[in-house]
């Protein structure tokens, strides 16, 4: 009976990696789409604002992925 309690407690303490995987896939798809659009369109993100928005979005994705993996591993 005590062993079952410890197993249940260990499973409850385990954090799901699913959010990290979902965000990682979204980040990968975003990167591929941005890369393909950027290669096909010579005038892609010509304005400073569009370039800054792409950079900011990429940084948010990267920081969120890093924060999620730290959360899952701790």
C-alpha atoms as a PDB file:
ATOM      1  CA  UNK A   1       0.000   0.000   0.000  1.00  0.00           C
ATOM      2  CA  UNK A   2       2.806   2.424   0.841  1.00  0.00           C
ATOM      3  CA  UNK A   3       4.613   1.548  -2.398  1.00  0.00           C
ATOM      4  CA  UNK A   4       1.518   2.444  -4.408  1.00  0.00           C
ATOM      5  CA  UNK A   5       1.398   5.819  -2.661  1.00  0.00           C
ATOM      6  CA  UNK A   6       5.021   6.559  -3.582  1.00  0.00           C
ATOM      7  CA  UNK A   7       4.398   5.599  -7.210  1.00  0.00           C
ATOM      8  CA  UNK A   8       1.353   7.865  -7.374  1.00  0.00           C
ATOM      9  CA  UNK A   9       3.280  10.696  -5.713  1.00  0.00           C
ATOM     10  CA  UNK A  10       6.136  10.336  -8.198  1.00  0.00           C
ATOM     11  CA  UNK A  11       3.731  10.366 -11.133  1.00  0.00           C
ATOM     12  CA  UNK A  12       1.979  13.445  -9.762  1.00  0.00           C
ATOM     13  CA  UNK A  13       5.320  15.259  -9.458  1.00  0.00           C
ATOM     14  CA  UNK A  14       6.211  14.498 -13.082  1.00  0.00           C
ATOM     15  CA  UNK A  15       5.572  17.463 -15.329  1.00  0.00           C
ATOM     16  CA  UNK A  16       4.215  16.854 -18.791  1.00  0.00           C
ATOM     17  CA  UNK A  17       6.539  17.584 -21.708  1.00  0.00           C
ATOM     18  CA  UNK A  18       3.629  18.016 -24.113  1.00  0.00           C
ATOM     19  CA  UNK A  19       3.507  21.852 -23.982  1.00  0.00           C
ATOM     20  CA  UNK A  20       7.226  21.959 -24.816  1.00  0.00           C
ATOM     21  CA  UNK A  21       6.740  19.632 -27.776  1.00  0.00           C
ATOM     22  CA  UNK A  22       3.740  21.608 -29.064  1.00  0.00           C
ATOM     23  CA  UNK A  23       5.578  24.927 -28.795  1.00  0.00           C
ATOM     24  CA  UNK A  24       8.689  23.414 -30.366  1.00  0.00           C
ATOM     25  CA  UNK A  25       6.713  22.151 -33.358  1.00  0.00           C
ATOM     26  CA  UNK A  26       5.021  25.541 -33.742  1.00  0.00           C
ATOM     27  CA  UNK A  27       8.415  27.256 -33.592  1.00  0.00           C
ATOM     28  CA  UNK A  28       9.775  24.885 -36.238  1.00  0.00           C
ATOM     29  CA  UNK A  29       6.800  25.414 -38.541  1.00  0.00           C
ATOM     30  CA  UNK A  30       7.079  29.174 -38.052  1.00  0.00           C
ATOM     31  CA  UNK A  31      10.778  29.080 -38.946  1.00  0.00           C
ATOM     32  CA  UNK A  32      10.198  26.996 -42.079  1.00  0.00           C
ATOM     33  CA  UNK A  33       7.340  29.227 -43.257  1.00  0.00           C
ATOM     34  CA  UNK A  34       9.344  32.407 -42.636  1.00  0.00           C
ATOM     35  CA  UNK A  35      12.331  30.887 -44.433  1.00  0.00           C
ATOM     36  CA  UNK A  36      10.307  29.798 -47.451  1.00  0.00           C
ATOM     37  CA  UNK A  37       8.458  33.093 -47.742  1.00  0.00           C
ATOM     38  CA  UNK A  38      11.724  34.987 -47.308  1.00  0.00           C
ATOM     39  CA  UNK A  39      13.439  33.006 -50.077  1.00  0.00           C
ATOM     40  CA  UNK A  40      10.527  33.331 -52.495  1.00  0.00           C
ATOM     41  CA  UNK A  41       9.735  37.001 -51.931  1.00  0.00           C
ATOM     42  CA  UNK A  42      12.583  39.466 -52.565  1.00  0.00           C
ATOM     43  CA  UNK A  43      10.708  42.276 -50.808  1.00  0.00           C
ATOM     44  CA  UNK A  44       9.888  40.212 -47.708  1.00  0.00           C
ATOM     45  CA  UNK A  45      10.020  42.293 -44.507  1.00  0.00           C
ATOM     46  CA  UNK A  46      11.509  45.349 -46.219  1.00  0.00           C
ATOM     47  CA  UNK A  47      10.238  47.761 -43.608  1.00  0.00           C
ATOM     48  CA  UNK A  48      12.003  48.132 -40.304  1.00  0.00           C
ATOM     49  CA  UNK A  49       8.796  47.428 -38.387  1.00  0.00           C
ATOM     50  CA  UNK A  50       8.154  44.127 -40.159  1.00  0.00           C
ATOM     51  CA  UNK A  51      11.714  42.992 -39.553  1.00  0.00           C
ATOM     52  CA  UNK A  52      11.510  43.937 -35.894  1.00  0.00           C
ATOM     53  CA  UNK A  53       8.194  42.090 -35.561  1.00  0.00           C
ATOM     54  CA  UNK A  54       9.743  38.926 -37.028  1.00  0.00           C
ATOM     55  CA  UNK A  55      12.731  39.183 -34.721  1.00  0.00           C
ATOM     56  CA  UNK A  56      10.513  39.795 -31.687  1.00  0.00           C
ATOM     57  CA  UNK A  57       8.283  36.830 -32.564  1.00  0.00           C
ATOM     58  CA  UNK A  58      11.313  34.582 -32.965  1.00  0.00           C
ATOM     59  CA  UNK A  59      12.758  35.724 -29.643  1.00  0.00           C
ATOM     60  CA  UNK A  60       9.436  35.118 -27.884  1.00  0.00           C
ATOM     61  CA  UNK A  61       9.270  31.587 -29.325  1.00  0.00           C
ATOM     62  CA  UNK A  62      12.866  30.845 -28.300  1.00  0.00           C
ATOM     63  CA  UNK A  63      12.464  32.215 -24.770  1.00  0.00           C
ATOM     64  CA  UNK A  64       9.176  30.367 -24.302  1.00  0.00           C
ATOM     65  CA  UNK A  65      10.759  27.083 -25.441  1.00  0.00           C
ATOM     66  CA  UNK A  66      13.676  27.621 -23.082  1.00  0.00           C
ATOM     67  CA  UNK A  67      11.400  28.488 -20.170  1.00  0.00           C
ATOM     68  CA  UNK A  68       9.222  25.443 -20.791  1.00  0.00           C
ATOM     69  CA  UNK A  69      12.118  23.017 -20.885  1.00  0.00           C
ATOM     70  CA  UNK A  70      13.501  24.497 -17.651  1.00  0.00           C
ATOM     71  CA  UNK A  71      10.051  24.151 -16.063  1.00  0.00           C
ATOM     72  CA  UNK A  72       9.735  20.531 -17.205  1.00  0.00           C
ATOM     73  CA  UNK A  73      13.213  19.535 -16.025  1.00  0.00           C
ATOM     74  CA  UNK A  74      12.930  21.128 -12.567  1.00  0.00           C
END
